[in-house]
N, C-alpha and C. Protein backbone atom coordinates (compact mmCIF):
# COMPACT_ATOMS: atom_id res chain seq x y z
N MET A 1 0.82 -1.15 -0.12
CA MET A 1 0.17 0.16 0.04
C MET A 1 0.82 1.21 0.25
N ASP A 2 1.95 1.27 0.49
CA ASP A 2 3.05 2.65 0.94
C ASP A 2 3.31 2.73 -0.62
N GLU A 3 3.51 1.77 -1.70
CA GLU A 3 4.06 1.76 -3.17
C GLU A 3 2.66 3.08 -4.02
N VAL A 4 1.68 3.08 -3.52
CA VAL A 4 0.71 3.94 -4.23
C VAL A 4 1.04 5.75 -4.02
N PRO A 5 1.61 5.71 -3.27
CA PRO A 5 1.87 7.27 -2.29
C PRO A 5 2.89 7.63 -3.33
N ASP A 6 4.24 6.52 -3.07
CA ASP A 6 5.11 6.76 -3.78
C ASP A 6 5.48 7.33 -5.08
N THR A 7 4.79 6.36 -5.44
CA THR A 7 4.05 6.10 -7.23
C THR A 7 3.34 8.04 -7.42
N ALA A 8 2.77 8.26 -6.66
CA ALA A 8 1.84 9.44 -6.75
C ALA A 8 2.89 10.59 -6.96
N LEU A 9 3.51 10.59 -6.01
CA LEU A 9 4.76 11.63 -5.62
C LEU A 9 5.93 11.85 -6.99
N ASP A 10 6.22 10.17 -7.40
CA ASP A 10 7.06 10.02 -8.11
C ASP A 10 6.22 10.91 -9.93
N LEU A 11 5.05 10.68 -9.44
CA LEU A 11 4.25 11.20 -11.07
C LEU A 11 4.33 12.56 -10.63
N ALA A 12 4.28 13.31 -9.42
CA ALA A 12 4.02 14.52 -9.39
C ALA A 12 5.31 15.17 -9.80
N ARG A 13 6.75 14.72 -9.61
CA ARG A 13 7.74 15.31 -9.59
C ARG A 13 7.93 14.93 -11.00
N LEU A 14 7.70 13.59 -11.96
CA LEU A 14 7.96 13.80 -13.49
C LEU A 14 6.91 15.14 -14.04
N VAL A 15 5.55 15.36 -13.43
CA VAL A 15 5.13 16.45 -14.27
C VAL A 15 6.08 17.70 -14.22
N ASP A 16 5.80 18.45 -12.69
CA ASP A 16 7.10 19.25 -12.33
C ASP A 16 8.11 19.42 -13.20
N GLU A 17 8.67 18.41 -13.65
CA GLU A 17 9.88 18.38 -14.52
C GLU A 17 9.59 18.58 -15.65
N LEU A 18 8.82 18.34 -16.21
CA LEU A 18 8.36 18.10 -17.86
C LEU A 18 7.57 19.74 -18.08
N THR A 19 7.05 20.23 -16.89
CA THR A 19 6.85 21.76 -17.26
C THR A 19 7.56 22.60 -17.14
N VAL A 20 8.71 22.35 -16.23
CA VAL A 20 10.10 22.96 -16.90
C VAL A 20 11.07 22.63 -17.80
N LEU A 21 10.91 21.75 -17.99
CA LEU A 21 11.68 21.86 -19.83
C LEU A 21 10.60 21.81 -20.71
N ASP A 22 9.38 21.61 -20.61
CA ASP A 22 8.57 22.79 -21.57
C ASP A 22 8.80 24.24 -21.84
N GLN A 23 8.89 24.39 -20.69
CA GLN A 23 8.96 25.87 -20.36
C GLN A 23 10.26 26.74 -21.36
N ARG A 24 11.95 25.69 -20.73
CA ARG A 24 12.27 26.26 -21.29
C ARG A 24 12.65 25.72 -23.24
N ARG A 25 11.98 24.97 -23.83
CA ARG A 25 12.18 24.72 -24.87
C ARG A 25 11.39 25.91 -25.57
N VAL A 26 10.02 26.53 -24.94
CA VAL A 26 9.45 27.48 -25.43
C VAL A 26 10.37 28.78 -25.56
N ASP A 27 11.33 29.16 -24.17
CA ASP A 27 12.47 30.18 -24.14
C ASP A 27 13.44 29.80 -25.16
N ILE A 28 13.85 28.88 -25.70
CA ILE A 28 14.81 28.16 -26.44
C ILE A 28 14.23 28.73 -27.99
N GLY A 29 12.88 28.71 -28.34
CA GLY A 29 12.34 28.53 -29.36
C GLY A 29 12.08 30.35 -29.75
N GLU A 30 12.03 30.72 -28.84
CA GLU A 30 11.44 32.40 -28.81
C GLU A 30 12.74 33.14 -29.29
N SER A 31 14.00 32.59 -28.39
CA SER A 31 15.59 32.83 -28.64
C SER A 31 16.07 32.93 -29.96
N LEU A 32 15.30 31.80 -31.05
CA LEU A 32 15.59 31.51 -31.81
C LEU A 32 15.17 32.55 -33.37
N VAL A 33 13.95 32.53 -32.45
CA VAL A 33 12.86 33.65 -33.64
C VAL A 33 13.46 35.04 -33.41
N GLN A 34 14.08 35.48 -32.13
CA GLN A 34 14.72 36.52 -32.24
C GLN A 34 15.84 37.02 -32.55
N LEU A 35 16.51 35.82 -32.44
CA LEU A 35 17.86 36.00 -33.33
C LEU A 35 18.27 36.07 -34.75
N GLU A 36 16.72 35.82 -35.56
CA GLU A 36 16.82 35.44 -37.12
C GLU A 36 15.87 36.98 -36.89
N TYR A 37 15.58 37.48 -36.75
CA TYR A 37 14.92 39.01 -36.46
C TYR A 37 15.76 39.64 -36.35
N LEU A 38 16.76 39.87 -35.49
CA LEU A 38 17.99 40.55 -35.33
C LEU A 38 18.82 40.68 -36.50
N TYR A 39 19.17 39.42 -36.82
CA TYR A 39 20.01 39.16 -37.97
C TYR A 39 19.79 39.72 -39.17
N ALA A 40 18.33 39.02 -39.49
CA ALA A 40 17.78 39.76 -40.81
C ALA A 40 17.59 41.30 -40.80
N ARG A 41 17.50 42.13 -39.46
CA ARG A 41 17.58 43.61 -39.80
C ARG A 41 18.82 44.30 -39.47
N MET A 42 19.79 43.32 -39.11
CA MET A 42 21.44 43.82 -39.75
C MET A 42 21.84 43.41 -41.22
N GLY A 43 21.12 43.12 -41.68
CA GLY A 43 21.59 42.56 -42.99
C GLY A 43 22.84 41.13 -43.11
N ALA A 44 22.51 40.35 -42.07
CA ALA A 44 23.32 39.38 -41.74
C ALA A 44 22.16 37.84 -42.17
N ARG A 45 22.21 37.70 -43.62
CA ARG A 45 21.40 36.56 -44.11
C ARG A 45 21.38 35.50 -43.76
N GLN A 46 22.89 35.32 -43.66
CA GLN A 46 23.38 33.55 -43.78
C GLN A 46 23.31 33.31 -42.54
N GLN A 47 23.29 34.13 -41.39
CA GLN A 47 23.14 34.14 -39.82
C GLN A 47 21.61 33.88 -39.48
N ALA A 48 20.77 34.97 -40.44
CA ALA A 48 19.69 34.61 -40.14
C ALA A 48 18.94 33.45 -40.63
N ASP A 49 19.08 32.99 -41.70
CA ASP A 49 18.85 31.65 -42.19
C ASP A 49 19.24 30.39 -41.32
N ALA A 50 20.22 30.56 -40.76
CA ALA A 50 20.60 29.91 -39.79
C ALA A 50 20.25 29.64 -38.49
N ALA A 51 19.59 30.74 -37.76
CA ALA A 51 18.71 30.53 -36.81
C ALA A 51 17.75 30.27 -37.03
N ARG A 52 16.79 30.89 -38.56
CA ARG A 52 15.21 30.05 -39.21
C ARG A 52 15.42 28.45 -38.80
N LYS A 53 16.57 28.17 -39.72
CA LYS A 53 16.56 26.92 -40.20
C LYS A 53 16.86 25.73 -38.81
N ALA A 54 17.53 26.28 -37.72
CA ALA A 54 17.87 26.00 -36.83
C ALA A 54 16.21 25.69 -36.02
N PHE A 55 15.37 27.07 -35.74
CA PHE A 55 14.14 27.14 -35.31
C PHE A 55 13.24 25.70 -36.00
N GLN A 56 13.50 25.84 -37.42
CA GLN A 56 12.23 25.11 -38.25
C GLN A 56 12.60 23.57 -37.83
N GLU A 57 14.07 23.15 -37.90
CA GLU A 57 14.44 21.54 -38.16
C GLU A 57 14.19 21.10 -36.23
N LYS A 58 14.75 21.88 -35.25
CA LYS A 58 15.04 21.53 -33.99
C LYS A 58 13.79 21.67 -33.06
N TYR A 59 13.78 23.28 -33.20
CA TYR A 59 12.36 22.90 -32.54
C TYR A 59 10.28 22.96 -33.47
N VAL A 60 10.65 23.33 -34.33
CA VAL A 60 9.32 22.64 -34.49
C VAL A 60 9.13 21.53 -35.32
N GLY A 61 10.42 20.95 -35.89
CA GLY A 61 10.33 19.57 -35.90
C GLY A 61 10.09 18.90 -34.85
N ARG A 62 10.45 18.77 -33.73
CA ARG A 62 10.65 18.32 -32.15
C ARG A 62 8.62 18.39 -32.42
N ILE A 63 8.43 19.11 -32.61
CA ILE A 63 6.77 19.50 -32.08
C ILE A 63 6.31 18.10 -32.87
N TYR A 64 6.17 18.67 -34.00
CA TYR A 64 5.86 17.64 -35.41
C TYR A 64 6.03 16.09 -34.59
N GLU A 65 7.10 15.69 -34.67
CA GLU A 65 7.62 14.41 -34.04
C GLU A 65 6.85 13.94 -32.70
N LEU A 66 6.17 14.62 -31.51
CA LEU A 66 5.54 14.90 -30.67
C LEU A 66 4.02 14.58 -30.81
N ALA A 67 4.06 14.96 -31.70
CA ALA A 67 2.30 15.33 -32.17
C ALA A 67 2.04 13.84 -33.06
N ASP A 68 2.96 13.42 -33.61
CA ASP A 68 3.03 12.26 -34.37
C ASP A 68 2.85 10.94 -33.39
N GLY A 69 3.22 11.41 -32.19
CA GLY A 69 3.79 9.97 -31.71
C GLY A 69 2.37 9.76 -30.68
N LEU A 70 1.45 11.19 -30.33
CA LEU A 70 0.57 10.97 -29.29
C LEU A 70 -1.02 10.86 -30.25
N ARG A 71 -0.56 10.40 -32.24
CA ARG A 71 -1.53 10.43 -32.56
C ARG A 71 -1.61 8.88 -32.80
N THR A 72 -0.48 7.79 -32.13
CA THR A 72 -0.52 6.25 -32.72
C THR A 72 -0.96 5.87 -31.43
């Protein structure tokens, strides 16, 4: 019977950890978008393209992977 409360605590801890990780991912995505914008305004097209590519491939791509996993 003691295992159920321990498992509930583990679940709560994991949910909290995922919440922190999710917010960090959002923050990183926002930073990539800001970098792309700043580079574009400065005329640094290659750097702007690199920031956009990182956002699209790593950030958005991972969101699509997660969504596909939820559908199955």
